[in-house]
Amino acid sequence: MRFAQIGRTGSSEVRVLHEDDSEGVIKTPGDVLMNMSKLRTGMHRDDVGTWFSAVYEVRRPGNFSIEYNYDDEPSLNFPLVNSQFAVELQRFPRSPEATPEWLREKADAAAAGDE
């Protein structure tokens, strides 16, 4: 599963690899989306903020891994307006050193009224 969120807007994709090596995409259950968002909130620290995206992989017989992206602009399934980047920094403050340039630029554009 890939999950990404900026501000209050997010997207996800769940890919399933079947035993016959065929792949499928399924709709992410609503409670999974809610729990990923809660996890993001719970992992916030004022100095580093929180992660923008995560890749969660489950393998048989129950092994899993998760990778968090704290720095790179996430790829969402749709474009965001700049105001969501400002919301991100309001909800999840970061120190100047931990704020990526792309996030600062888009949040500043929102403050200047550029959508």
PDB file of N, CA and C in Angstrom:
ATOM      1  N   MET A   1       0.838  -1.163   0.000  1.00  0.00           N
ATOM      2  CA  MET A   1       0.000   0.000   0.000  1.00  0.00           C
ATOM      3  C   MET A   1       0.888   1.233   0.000  1.00  0.00           C
ATOM      4  N   ARG A   2       0.511   2.180  -0.850  1.00  0.00           N
ATOM      5  CA  ARG A   2       1.143   3.494  -0.850  1.00  0.00           C
ATOM      6  C   ARG A   2       0.121   4.475  -0.308  1.00  0.00           C
ATOM      7  N   PHE A   3       0.546   5.291   0.658  1.00  0.00           N
ATOM      8  CA  PHE A   3      -0.320   6.285   1.263  1.00  0.00           C
ATOM      9  C   PHE A   3       0.437   7.600   1.282  1.00  0.00           C
ATOM     10  N   ALA A   4      -0.228   8.680   0.898  1.00  0.00           N
ATOM     11  CA  ALA A   4       0.395  10.006   0.922  1.00  0.00           C
ATOM     12  C   ALA A   4      -0.635  11.009   1.416  1.00  0.00           C
ATOM     13  N   GLN A   5      -0.154  12.012   2.152  1.00  0.00           N
ATOM     14  CA  GLN A   5      -1.062  13.036   2.648  1.00  0.00           C
ATOM     15  C   GLN A   5      -0.308  14.345   2.806  1.00  0.00           C
ATOM     16  N   ILE A   6      -0.971  15.410   2.394  1.00  0.00           N
ATOM     17  CA  ILE A   6      -0.501  16.775   2.628  1.00  0.00           C
ATOM     18  C   ILE A   6      -1.683  17.531   3.208  1.00  0.00           C
ATOM     19  N   GLY A   7      -1.471  18.189   4.341  1.00  0.00           N
ATOM     20  CA  GLY A   7      -2.582  18.885   4.975  1.00  0.00           C
ATOM     21  C   GLY A   7      -3.659  17.892   5.346  1.00  0.00           C
ATOM     22  N   ARG A   8      -4.861  18.131   4.851  1.00  0.00           N
ATOM     23  CA  ARG A   8      -5.984  17.229   5.139  1.00  0.00           C
ATOM     24  C   ARG A   8      -6.365  16.383   3.922  1.00  0.00           C
ATOM     25  N   THR A   9      -5.529  16.401   2.903  1.00  0.00           N
ATOM     26  CA  THR A   9      -5.838  15.706   1.660  1.00  0.00           C
ATOM     27  C   THR A   9      -4.828  14.586   1.428  1.00  0.00           C
ATOM     28  N   GLY A  10      -5.335  13.414   1.083  1.00  0.00           N
ATOM     29  CA  GLY A  10      -4.440  12.298   0.865  1.00  0.00           C
ATOM     30  C   GLY A  10      -4.924  11.383  -0.240  1.00  0.00           C
ATOM     31  N   SER A  11      -4.093  10.426  -0.568  1.00  0.00           N
ATOM     32  CA  SER A  11      -4.446   9.410  -1.557  1.00  0.00           C
ATOM     33  C   SER A  11      -3.735   8.114  -1.184  1.00  0.00           C
ATOM     34  N   SER A  12      -4.249   7.032  -1.748  1.00  0.00           N
ATOM     35  CA  SER A  12      -3.637   5.738  -1.478  1.00  0.00           C
ATOM     36  C   SER A  12      -3.877   4.795  -2.637  1.00  0.00           C
ATOM     37  N   GLU A  13      -3.088   3.749  -2.647  1.00  0.00           N
ATOM     38  CA  GLU A  13      -3.252   2.695  -3.635  1.00  0.00           C
ATOM     39  C   GLU A  13      -2.821   1.393  -2.977  1.00  0.00           C
ATOM     40  N   VAL A  14      -3.650   0.384  -3.121  1.00  0.00           N
ATOM     41  CA  VAL A  14      -3.314  -0.941  -2.594  1.00  0.00           C
ATOM     42  C   VAL A  14      -3.194  -1.894  -3.773  1.00  0.00           C
ATOM     43  N   ARG A  15      -2.027  -2.478  -3.921  1.00  0.00           N
ATOM     44  CA  ARG A  15      -1.778  -3.467  -4.973  1.00  0.00           C
ATOM     45  C   ARG A  15      -1.668  -4.833  -4.314  1.00  0.00           C
ATOM     46  N   VAL A  16      -2.253  -5.808  -4.970  1.00  0.00           N
ATOM     47  CA  VAL A  16      -2.239  -7.177  -4.463  1.00  0.00           C
ATOM     48  C   VAL A  16      -1.558  -8.064  -5.487  1.00  0.00           C
ATOM     49  N   LEU A  17      -0.604  -8.855  -5.047  1.00  0.00           N
ATOM     50  CA  LEU A  17       0.052  -9.835  -5.899  1.00  0.00           C
ATOM     51  C   LEU A  17      -0.510 -11.202  -5.518  1.00  0.00           C
ATOM     52  N   HIS A  18      -1.193 -11.818  -6.461  1.00  0.00           N
ATOM     53  CA  HIS A  18      -1.836 -13.113  -6.223  1.00  0.00           C
ATOM     54  C   HIS A  18      -0.829 -14.247  -6.373  1.00  0.00           C
ATOM     55  N   GLU A  19      -1.210 -15.408  -5.896  1.00  0.00           N
ATOM     56  CA  GLU A  19      -0.318 -16.568  -5.957  1.00  0.00           C
ATOM     57  C   GLU A  19       0.097 -16.917  -7.375  1.00  0.00           C
ATOM     58  N   ASP A  20      -0.756 -16.602  -8.363  1.00  0.00           N
ATOM     59  CA  ASP A  20      -0.414 -16.900  -9.757  1.00  0.00           C
ATOM     60  C   ASP A  20       0.398 -15.772 -10.402  1.00  0.00           C
ATOM     61  N   ASP A  21       0.925 -14.872  -9.584  1.00  0.00           N
ATOM     62  CA  ASP A  21       1.741 -13.723  -9.998  1.00  0.00           C
ATOM     63  C   ASP A  21       0.954 -12.642 -10.737  1.00  0.00           C
ATOM     64  N   SER A  22      -0.366 -12.758 -10.816  1.00  0.00           N
ATOM     65  CA  SER A  22      -1.152 -11.664 -11.379  1.00  0.00           C
ATOM     66  C   SER A  22      -1.289 -10.575 -10.314  1.00  0.00           C
ATOM     67  N   GLU A  23      -1.483  -9.351 -10.781  1.00  0.00           N
ATOM     68  CA  GLU A  23      -1.625  -8.219  -9.871  1.00  0.00           C
ATOM     69  C   GLU A  23      -3.008  -7.626  -9.970  1.00  0.00           C
ATOM     70  N   GLY A  24      -3.421  -7.015  -8.901  1.00  0.00           N
ATOM     71  CA  GLY A  24      -4.686  -6.313  -8.883  1.00  0.00           C
ATOM     72  C   GLY A  24      -4.585  -5.097  -7.990  1.00  0.00           C
ATOM     73  N   VAL A  25      -5.487  -4.165  -8.180  1.00  0.00           N
ATOM     74  CA  VAL A  25      -5.584  -2.976  -7.335  1.00  0.00           C
ATOM     75  C   VAL A  25      -6.939  -3.033  -6.655  1.00  0.00           C
ATOM     76  N   ILE A  26      -6.937  -2.833  -5.346  1.00  0.00           N
ATOM     77  CA  ILE A  26      -8.190  -2.825  -4.609  1.00  0.00           C
ATOM     78  C   ILE A  26      -8.377  -1.467  -3.941  1.00  0.00           C
ATOM     79  N   LYS A  27      -9.626  -1.149  -3.645  1.00  0.00           N
ATOM     80  CA  LYS A  27      -9.937   0.095  -2.956  1.00  0.00           C
ATOM     81  C   LYS A  27      -9.437  -0.002  -1.516  1.00  0.00           C
ATOM     82  N   THR A  28      -8.781   1.065  -1.068  1.00  0.00           N
ATOM     83  CA  THR A  28      -8.291   1.086   0.303  1.00  0.00           C
ATOM     84  C   THR A  28      -9.478   1.224   1.255  1.00  0.00           C
ATOM     85  N   PRO A  29      -9.611   0.315   2.214  1.00  0.00           N
ATOM     86  CA  PRO A  29     -10.711   0.436   3.175  1.00  0.00           C
ATOM     87  C   PRO A  29     -10.629   1.753   3.953  1.00  0.00           C
ATOM     88  N   GLY A  30     -11.778   2.338   4.227  1.00  0.00           N
ATOM     89  CA  GLY A  30     -11.829   3.623   4.919  1.00  0.00           C
ATOM     90  C   GLY A  30     -11.139   3.619   6.266  1.00  0.00           C
ATOM     91  N   ASP A  31     -11.260   2.517   7.016  1.00  0.00           N
ATOM     92  CA  ASP A  31     -10.614   2.487   8.325  1.00  0.00           C
ATOM     93  C   ASP A  31      -9.094   2.444   8.201  1.00  0.00           C
ATOM     94  N   VAL A  32      -8.583   1.898   7.127  1.00  0.00           N
ATOM     95  CA  VAL A  32      -7.139   1.905   6.895  1.00  0.00           C
ATOM     96  C   VAL A  32      -6.671   3.334   6.631  1.00  0.00           C
ATOM     97  N   LEU A  33      -7.413   4.068   5.798  1.00  0.00           N
ATOM     98  CA  LEU A  33      -7.061   5.471   5.534  1.00  0.00           C
ATOM     99  C   LEU A  33      -7.078   6.277   6.826  1.00  0.00           C
ATOM    100  N   MET A  34      -8.109   6.096   7.629  1.00  0.00           N
ATOM    101  CA  MET A  34      -8.218   6.821   8.889  1.00  0.00           C
ATOM    102  C   MET A  34      -7.055   6.486   9.821  1.00  0.00           C
ATOM    103  N   ASN A  35      -6.701   5.205   9.890  1.00  0.00           N
ATOM    104  CA  ASN A  35      -5.615   4.802  10.775  1.00  0.00           C
ATOM    105  C   ASN A  35      -4.253   5.285  10.286  1.00  0.00           C
ATOM    106  N   MET A  36      -4.043   5.336   8.977  1.00  0.00           N
ATOM    107  CA  MET A  36      -2.784   5.880   8.465  1.00  0.00           C
ATOM    108  C   MET A  36      -2.680   7.367   8.794  1.00  0.00           C
ATOM    109  N   SER A  37      -3.776   8.077   8.661  1.00  0.00           N
ATOM    110  CA  SER A  37      -3.787   9.494   9.007  1.00  0.00           C
ATOM    111  C   SER A  37      -3.519   9.692  10.501  1.00  0.00           C
ATOM    112  N   LYS A  38      -4.111   8.841  11.337  1.00  0.00           N
ATOM    113  CA  LYS A  38      -3.861   8.909  12.782  1.00  0.00           C
ATOM    114  C   LYS A  38      -2.399   8.587  13.099  1.00  0.00           C
ATOM    115  N   LEU A  39      -1.843   7.611  12.404  1.00  0.00           N
ATOM    116  CA  LEU A  39      -0.438   7.260  12.602  1.00  0.00           C
ATOM    117  C   LEU A  39       0.457   8.448  12.270  1.00  0.00           C
ATOM    118  N   ARG A  40       0.142   9.114  11.164  1.00  0.00           N
ATOM    119  CA  ARG A  40       0.895  10.300  10.744  1.00  0.00           C
ATOM    120  C   ARG A  40       0.859  11.369  11.830  1.00  0.00           C
ATOM    121  N   THR A  41      -0.324  11.586  12.382  1.00  0.00           N
ATOM    122  CA  THR A  41      -0.479  12.576  13.459  1.00  0.00           C
ATOM    123  C   THR A  41       0.303  12.146  14.699  1.00  0.00           C
ATOM    124  N   GLY A  42       0.192  10.885  15.051  1.00  0.00           N
ATOM    125  CA  GLY A  42       0.876  10.383  16.233  1.00  0.00           C
ATOM    126  C   GLY A  42       2.396  10.393  16.135  1.00  0.00           C
ATOM    127  N   MET A  43       2.918  10.352  14.917  1.00  0.00           N
ATOM    128  CA  MET A  43       4.374  10.344  14.733  1.00  0.00           C
ATOM    129  C   MET A  43       4.961  11.750  14.603  1.00  0.00           C
ATOM    130  N   HIS A  44       4.113  12.784  14.640  1.00  0.00           N
ATOM    131  CA  HIS A  44       4.606  14.158  14.508  1.00  0.00           C
ATOM    132  C   HIS A  44       5.500  14.540  15.683  1.00  0.00           C
ATOM    133  N   ARG A  45       6.595  15.214  15.347  1.00  0.00           N
ATOM    134  CA  ARG A  45       7.487  15.847  16.326  1.00  0.00           C
ATOM    135  C   ARG A  45       7.740  17.261  15.839  1.00  0.00           C
ATOM    136  N   ASP A  46       7.686  18.227  16.750  1.00  0.00           N
ATOM    137  CA  ASP A  46       7.823  19.635  16.357  1.00  0.00           C
ATOM    138  C   ASP A  46       9.101  19.938  15.600  1.00  0.00           C
ATOM    139  N   ASP A  47      10.169  19.230  15.894  1.00  0.00           N
ATOM    140  CA  ASP A  47      11.436  19.540  15.227  1.00  0.00           C
ATOM    141  C   ASP A  47      11.503  18.989  13.805  1.00  0.00           C
ATOM    142  N   VAL A  48      10.889  17.831  13.543  1.00  0.00           N
ATOM    143  CA  VAL A  48      10.989  17.224  12.205  1.00  0.00           C
ATOM    144  C   VAL A  48       9.666  17.102  11.465  1.00  0.00           C
ATOM    145  N   GLY A  49       8.567  17.477  12.100  1.00  0.00           N
ATOM    146  CA  GLY A  49       7.271  17.342  11.444  1.00  0.00           C
ATOM    147  C   GLY A  49       6.835  15.887  11.466  1.00  0.00           C
ATOM    148  N   THR A  50       6.199  15.474  10.384  1.00  0.00           N
ATOM    149  CA  THR A  50       5.801  14.070  10.236  1.00  0.00           C
ATOM    150  C   THR A  50       6.050  13.656   8.794  1.00  0.00           C
ATOM    151  N   TRP A  51       5.814  12.432   8.494  1.00  0.00           N
ATOM    152  CA  TRP A  51       6.082  11.917   7.154  1.00  0.00           C
ATOM    153  C   TRP A  51       4.979  12.348   6.186  1.00  0.00           C
ATOM    154  N   PHE A  52       5.350  12.426   4.909  1.00  0.00           N
ATOM    155  CA  PHE A  52       4.423  12.803   3.841  1.00  0.00           C
ATOM    156  C   PHE A  52       3.816  11.586   3.156  1.00  0.00           C
ATOM    157  N   SER A  53       4.571  10.513   3.091  1.00  0.00           N
ATOM    158  CA  SER A  53       4.072   9.309   2.437  1.00  0.00           C
ATOM    159  C   SER A  53       4.716   8.084   3.078  1.00  0.00           C
ATOM    160  N   ALA A  54       4.057   6.961   2.852  1.00  0.00           N
ATOM    161  CA  ALA A  54       4.563   5.703   3.392  1.00  0.00           C
ATOM    162  C   ALA A  54       4.247   4.589   2.404  1.00  0.00           C
ATOM    163  N   VAL A  55       5.123   3.610   2.389  1.00  0.00           N
ATOM    164  CA  VAL A  55       4.896   2.389   1.624  1.00  0.00           C
ATOM    165  C   VAL A  55       4.900   1.253   2.639  1.00  0.00           C
ATOM    166  N   TYR A  56       3.773   0.562   2.703  1.00  0.00           N
ATOM    167  CA  TYR A  56       3.580  -0.537   3.648  1.00  0.00           C
ATOM    168  C   TYR A  56       3.441  -1.812   2.837  1.00  0.00           C
ATOM    169  N   GLU A  57       4.311  -2.764   3.095  1.00  0.00           N
ATOM    170  CA  GLU A  57       4.323  -3.998   2.316  1.00  0.00           C
ATOM    171  C   GLU A  57       4.188  -5.199   3.247  1.00  0.00           C
ATOM    172  N   VAL A  58       3.257  -6.069   2.910  1.00  0.00           N
ATOM    173  CA  VAL A  58       3.036  -7.293   3.682  1.00  0.00           C
ATOM    174  C   VAL A  58       3.356  -8.474   2.778  1.00  0.00           C
ATOM    175  N   ARG A  59       4.146  -9.415   3.302  1.00  0.00           N
ATOM    176  CA  ARG A  59       4.513 -10.615   2.557  1.00  0.00           C
ATOM    177  C   ARG A  59       4.137 -11.838   3.379  1.00  0.00           C
ATOM    178  N   ARG A  60       3.838 -12.900   2.685  1.00  0.00           N
ATOM    179  CA  ARG A  60       3.561 -14.146   3.387  1.00  0.00           C
ATOM    180  C   ARG A  60       4.822 -14.624   4.069  1.00  0.00           C
ATOM    181  N   PRO A  61       4.811 -15.225   5.156  1.00  0.00           N
ATOM    182  CA  PRO A  61       3.687 -15.636   5.985  1.00  0.00           C
ATOM    183  C   PRO A  61       3.394 -14.633   7.098  1.00  0.00           C
ATOM    184  N   GLY A  62       3.403 -13.371   6.822  1.00  0.00           N
ATOM    185  CA  GLY A  62       3.085 -12.359   7.829  1.00  0.00           C
ATOM    186  C   GLY A  62       4.202 -11.370   8.073  1.00  0.00           C
ATOM    187  N   ASN A  63       5.233 -11.411   7.236  1.00  0.00           N
ATOM    188  CA  ASN A  63       6.306 -10.423   7.346  1.00  0.00           C
ATOM    189  C   ASN A  63       5.837  -9.108   6.739  1.00  0.00           C
ATOM    190  N   PHE A  64       6.336  -8.006   7.265  1.00  0.00           N
ATOM    191  CA  PHE A  64       5.959  -6.720   6.712  1.00  0.00           C
ATOM    192  C   PHE A  64       7.106  -5.728   6.840  1.00  0.00           C
ATOM    193  N   SER A  65       7.022  -4.672   6.053  1.00  0.00           N
ATOM    194  CA  SER A  65       7.966  -3.567   6.163  1.00  0.00           C
ATOM    195  C   SER A  65       7.204  -2.280   5.877  1.00  0.00           C
ATOM    196  N   ILE A  66       7.719  -1.184   6.408  1.00  0.00           N
ATOM    197  CA  ILE A  66       7.129   0.114   6.137  1.00  0.00           C
ATOM    198  C   ILE A  66       8.253   1.138   6.015  1.00  0.00           C
ATOM    199  N   GLU A  67       8.135   1.966   5.000  1.00  0.00           N
ATOM    200  CA  GLU A  67       9.113   3.033   4.770  1.00  0.00           C
ATOM    201  C   GLU A  67       8.384   4.361   4.813  1.00  0.00           C
ATOM    202  N   TYR A  68       8.949   5.320   5.522  1.00  0.00           N
ATOM    203  CA  TYR A  68       8.349   6.645   5.652  1.00  0.00           C
ATOM    204  C   TYR A  68       9.184   7.680   4.907  1.00  0.00           C
ATOM    205  N   ASN A  69       8.517   8.607   4.253  1.00  0.00           N
ATOM    206  CA  ASN A  69       9.161   9.691   3.523  1.00  0.00           C
ATOM    207  C   ASN A  69       8.908  11.003   4.267  1.00  0.00           C
ATOM    208  N   TYR A  70       9.950  11.549   4.869  1.00  0.00           N
ATOM    209  CA  TYR A  70       9.859  12.805   5.604  1.00  0.00           C
ATOM    210  C   TYR A  70      10.314  14.008   4.779  1.00  0.00           C
ATOM    211  N   ASP A  71      10.911  13.795   3.622  1.00  0.00           N
ATOM    212  CA  ASP A  71      11.574  14.895   2.915  1.00  0.00           C
ATOM    213  C   ASP A  71      11.079  15.192   1.507  1.00  0.00           C
ATOM    214  N   ASP A  72      10.762  14.171   0.737  1.00  0.00           N
ATOM    215  CA  ASP A  72      10.431  14.372  -0.674  1.00  0.00           C
ATOM    216  C   ASP A  72       8.948  14.632  -0.863  1.00  0.00           C
ATOM    217  N   GLU A  73       8.630  15.485  -1.852  1.00  0.00           N
ATOM    218  CA  GLU A  73       7.233  15.769  -2.153  1.00  0.00           C
ATOM    219  C   GLU A  73       6.549  14.474  -2.578  1.00  0.00           C
ATOM    220  N   PRO A  74       5.444  14.141  -1.937  1.00  0.00           N
ATOM    221  CA  PRO A  74       4.786  12.880  -2.276  1.00  0.00           C
ATOM    222  C   PRO A  74       4.034  12.974  -3.589  1.00  0.00           C
ATOM    223  N   SER A  75       3.852  11.845  -4.193  1.00  0.00           N
ATOM    224  CA  SER A  75       3.066  11.754  -5.411  1.00  0.00           C
ATOM    225  C   SER A  75       1.644  11.382  -5.018  1.00  0.00           C
ATOM    226  N   LEU A  76       0.718  12.295  -5.265  1.00  0.00           N
ATOM    227  CA  LEU A  76      -0.691  12.026  -4.994  1.00  0.00           C
ATOM    228  C   LEU A  76      -1.389  11.718  -6.301  1.00  0.00           C
ATOM    229  N   ASN A  77      -2.581  11.198  -6.219  1.00  0.00           N
ATOM    230  CA  ASN A  77      -3.332  10.821  -7.420  1.00  0.00           C
ATOM    231  C   ASN A  77      -3.968  12.008  -8.122  1.00  0.00           C
ATOM    232  N   PHE A  78      -3.761  13.212  -7.596  1.00  0.00           N
ATOM    233  CA  PHE A  78      -4.377  14.420  -8.143  1.00  0.00           C
ATOM    234  C   PHE A  78      -3.552  15.620  -7.678  1.00  0.00           C
ATOM    235  N   PRO A  79      -3.676  16.756  -8.359  1.00  0.00           N
ATOM    236  CA  PRO A  79      -2.923  17.944  -7.944  1.00  0.00           C
ATOM    237  C   PRO A  79      -3.548  18.590  -6.711  1.00  0.00           C
ATOM    238  N   LEU A  80      -2.724  19.232  -5.917  1.00  0.00           N
ATOM    239  CA  LEU A  80      -3.192  19.943  -4.728  1.00  0.00           C
ATOM    240  C   LEU A  80      -3.092  21.444  -4.935  1.00  0.00           C
ATOM    241  N   VAL A  81      -3.984  22.174  -4.289  1.00  0.00           N
ATOM    242  CA  VAL A  81      -3.845  23.628  -4.258  1.00  0.00           C
ATOM    243  C   VAL A  81      -2.826  23.970  -3.177  1.00  0.00           C
ATOM    244  N   ASN A  82      -2.160  25.106  -3.343  1.00  0.00           N
ATOM    245  CA  ASN A  82      -1.091  25.477  -2.420  1.00  0.00           C
ATOM    246  C   ASN A  82      -1.564  25.617  -0.978  1.00  0.00           C
ATOM    247  N   SER A  83      -2.843  25.924  -0.784  1.00  0.00           N
ATOM    248  CA  SER A  83      -3.327  26.092   0.591  1.00  0.00           C
ATOM    249  C   SER A  83      -3.161  24.814   1.416  1.00  0.00           C
ATOM    250  N   GLN A  84      -3.192  23.647   0.785  1.00  0.00           N
ATOM    251  CA  GLN A  84      -3.003  22.405   1.534  1.00  0.00           C
ATOM    252  C   GLN A  84      -1.575  22.287   2.088  1.00  0.00           C
ATOM    253  N   PHE A  85      -0.611  22.910   1.414  1.00  0.00           N
ATOM    254  CA  PHE A  85       0.764  22.885   1.909  1.00  0.00           C
ATOM    255  C   PHE A  85       0.896  23.787   3.135  1.00  0.00           C
ATOM    256  N   ALA A  86       0.149  24.905   3.140  1.00  0.00           N
ATOM    257  CA  ALA A  86       0.125  25.780   4.318  1.00  0.00           C
ATOM    258  C   ALA A  86      -0.559  25.063   5.484  1.00  0.00           C
ATOM    259  N   VAL A  87      -1.647  24.337   5.204  1.00  0.00           N
ATOM    260  CA  VAL A  87      -2.339  23.559   6.239  1.00  0.00           C
ATOM    261  C   VAL A  87      -1.384  22.521   6.824  1.00  0.00           C
ATOM    262  N   GLU A  88      -0.584  21.902   5.962  1.00  0.00           N
ATOM    263  CA  GLU A  88       0.394  20.906   6.422  1.00  0.00           C
ATOM    264  C   GLU A  88       1.302  21.500   7.495  1.00  0.00           C
ATOM    265  N   LEU A  89       1.835  22.684   7.228  1.00  0.00           N
ATOM    266  CA  LEU A  89       2.758  23.303   8.191  1.00  0.00           C
ATOM    267  C   LEU A  89       2.042  23.802   9.438  1.00  0.00           C
ATOM    268  N   GLN A  90       0.781  24.153   9.319  1.00  0.00           N
ATOM    269  CA  GLN A  90       0.019  24.549  10.507  1.00  0.00           C
ATOM    270  C   GLN A  90      -0.266  23.336  11.390  1.00  0.00           C
ATOM    271  N   ARG A  91      -0.663  22.236  10.763  1.00  0.00           N
ATOM    272  CA  ARG A  91      -0.983  21.014  11.518  1.00  0.00           C
ATOM    273  C   ARG A  91       0.255  20.327  12.073  1.00  0.00           C
ATOM    274  N   PHE A  92       1.324  20.346  11.267  1.00  0.00           N
ATOM    275  CA  PHE A  92       2.535  19.612  11.625  1.00  0.00           C
ATOM    276  C   PHE A  92       3.758  20.525  11.507  1.00  0.00           C
ATOM    277  N   PRO A  93       3.927  21.438  12.460  1.00  0.00           N
ATOM    278  CA  PRO A  93       5.065  22.369  12.376  1.00  0.00           C
ATOM    279  C   PRO A  93       6.399  21.621  12.318  1.00  0.00           C
ATOM    280  N   ARG A  94       7.351  22.269  11.649  1.00  0.00           N
ATOM    281  CA  ARG A  94       8.708  21.740  11.514  1.00  0.00           C
ATOM    282  C   ARG A  94       9.693  22.851  11.800  1.00  0.00           C
ATOM    283  N   SER A  95      10.864  22.489  12.215  1.00  0.00           N
ATOM    284  CA  SER A  95      11.917  23.490  12.344  1.00  0.00           C
ATOM    285  C   SER A  95      12.299  23.940  10.935  1.00  0.00           C
ATOM    286  N   PRO A  96      12.861  25.139  10.787  1.00  0.00           N
ATOM    287  CA  PRO A  96      13.284  25.584   9.448  1.00  0.00           C
ATOM    288  C   PRO A  96      14.248  24.594   8.784  1.00  0.00           C
ATOM    289  N   GLU A  97      15.117  23.991   9.569  1.00  0.00           N
ATOM    290  CA  GLU A  97      16.097  23.045   9.018  1.00  0.00           C
ATOM    291  C   GLU A  97      15.435  21.782   8.484  1.00  0.00           C
ATOM    292  N   ALA A  98      14.285  21.412   9.042  1.00  0.00           N
ATOM    293  CA  ALA A  98      13.604  20.175   8.637  1.00  0.00           C
ATOM    294  C   ALA A  98      12.492  20.431   7.626  1.00  0.00           C
ATOM    295  N   THR A  99      12.334  21.678   7.179  1.00  0.00           N
ATOM    296  CA  THR A  99      11.290  21.992   6.209  1.00  0.00           C
ATOM    297  C   THR A  99      11.884  21.958   4.808  1.00  0.00           C
ATOM    298  N   PRO A 100      11.464  21.010   3.983  1.00  0.00           N
ATOM    299  CA  PRO A 100      11.998  20.936   2.618  1.00  0.00           C
ATOM    300  C   PRO A 100      11.660  22.205   1.833  1.00  0.00           C
ATOM    301  N   GLU A 101      12.535  22.567   0.935  1.00  0.00           N
ATOM    302  CA  GLU A 101      12.362  23.784   0.136  1.00  0.00           C
ATOM    303  C   GLU A 101      11.051  23.765  -0.642  1.00  0.00           C
ATOM    304  N   TRP A 102      10.685  22.627  -1.221  1.00  0.00           N
ATOM    305  CA  TRP A 102       9.437  22.553  -1.997  1.00  0.00           C
ATOM    306  C   TRP A 102       8.222  22.849  -1.131  1.00  0.00           C
ATOM    307  N   LEU A 103       8.245  22.413   0.122  1.00  0.00           N
ATOM    308  CA  LEU A 103       7.126  22.660   1.019  1.00  0.00           C
ATOM    309  C   LEU A 103       7.068  24.135   1.419  1.00  0.00           C
ATOM    310  N   ARG A 104       8.216  24.693   1.722  1.00  0.00           N
ATOM    311  CA  ARG A 104       8.282  26.109   2.093  1.00  0.00           C
ATOM    312  C   ARG A 104       7.788  26.985   0.941  1.00  0.00           C
ATOM    313  N   GLU A 105       8.223  26.692  -0.277  1.00  0.00           N
ATOM    314  CA  GLU A 105       7.824  27.494  -1.442  1.00  0.00           C
ATOM    315  C   GLU A 105       6.313  27.434  -1.670  1.00  0.00           C
ATOM    316  N   LYS A 106       5.726  26.247  -1.568  1.00  0.00           N
ATOM    317  CA  LYS A 106       4.291  26.117  -1.822  1.00  0.00           C
ATOM    318  C   LYS A 106       3.463  26.725  -0.693  1.00  0.00           C
ATOM    319  N   ALA A 107       3.921  26.607   0.532  1.00  0.00           N
ATOM    320  CA  ALA A 107       3.217  27.241   1.649  1.00  0.00           C
ATOM    321  C   ALA A 107       3.324  28.758   1.549  1.00  0.00           C
ATOM    322  N   ASP A 108       4.492  29.261   1.143  1.00  0.00           N
ATOM    323  CA  ASP A 108       4.669  30.706   0.953  1.00  0.00           C
ATOM    324  C   ASP A 108       3.782  31.210  -0.179  1.00  0.00           C
ATOM    325  N   ALA A 109       3.624  30.434  -1.233  1.00  0.00           N
ATOM    326  CA  ALA A 109       2.757  30.818  -2.346  1.00  0.00           C
ATOM    327  C   ALA A 109       1.306  30.921  -1.870  1.00  0.00           C
ATOM    328  N   ALA A 110       0.900  30.024  -0.983  1.00  0.00           N
ATOM    329  CA  ALA A 110      -0.452  30.077  -0.438  1.00  0.00           C
ATOM    330  C   ALA A 110      -0.643  31.342   0.392  1.00  0.00           C
ATOM    331  N   ALA A 111       0.378  31.681   1.196  1.00  0.00           N
ATOM    332  CA  ALA A 111       0.308  32.890   2.017  1.00  0.00           C
ATOM    333  C   ALA A 111       0.231  34.149   1.161  1.00  0.00           C
ATOM    334  N   ALA A 112       0.838  34.090  -0.024  1.00  0.00           N
ATOM    335  CA  ALA A 112       0.819  35.234  -0.948  1.00  0.00           C
ATOM    336  C   ALA A 112      -0.460  35.264  -1.789  1.00  0.00           C
ATOM    337  N   GLY A 113      -1.301  34.259  -1.614  1.00  0.00           N
ATOM    338  CA  GLY A 113      -2.573  34.211  -2.347  1.00  0.00           C
ATOM    339  C   GLY A 113      -2.504  33.520  -3.682  1.00  0.00           C
ATOM    340  N   ASP A 114      -1.396  32.844  -3.965  1.00  0.00           N
ATOM    341  CA  ASP A 114      -1.266  32.095  -5.229  1.00  0.00           C
ATOM    342  C   ASP A 114      -1.765  30.676  -5.012  1.00  0.00           C
ATOM    343  N   GLU A 115      -2.746  30.278  -5.740  1.00  0.00           N
ATOM    344  CA  GLU A 115      -3.250  28.905  -5.654  1.00  0.00           C
ATOM    345  C   GLU A 115      -2.732  28.160  -6.841  1.00  0.00           C
TER     346      GLU A 115
END
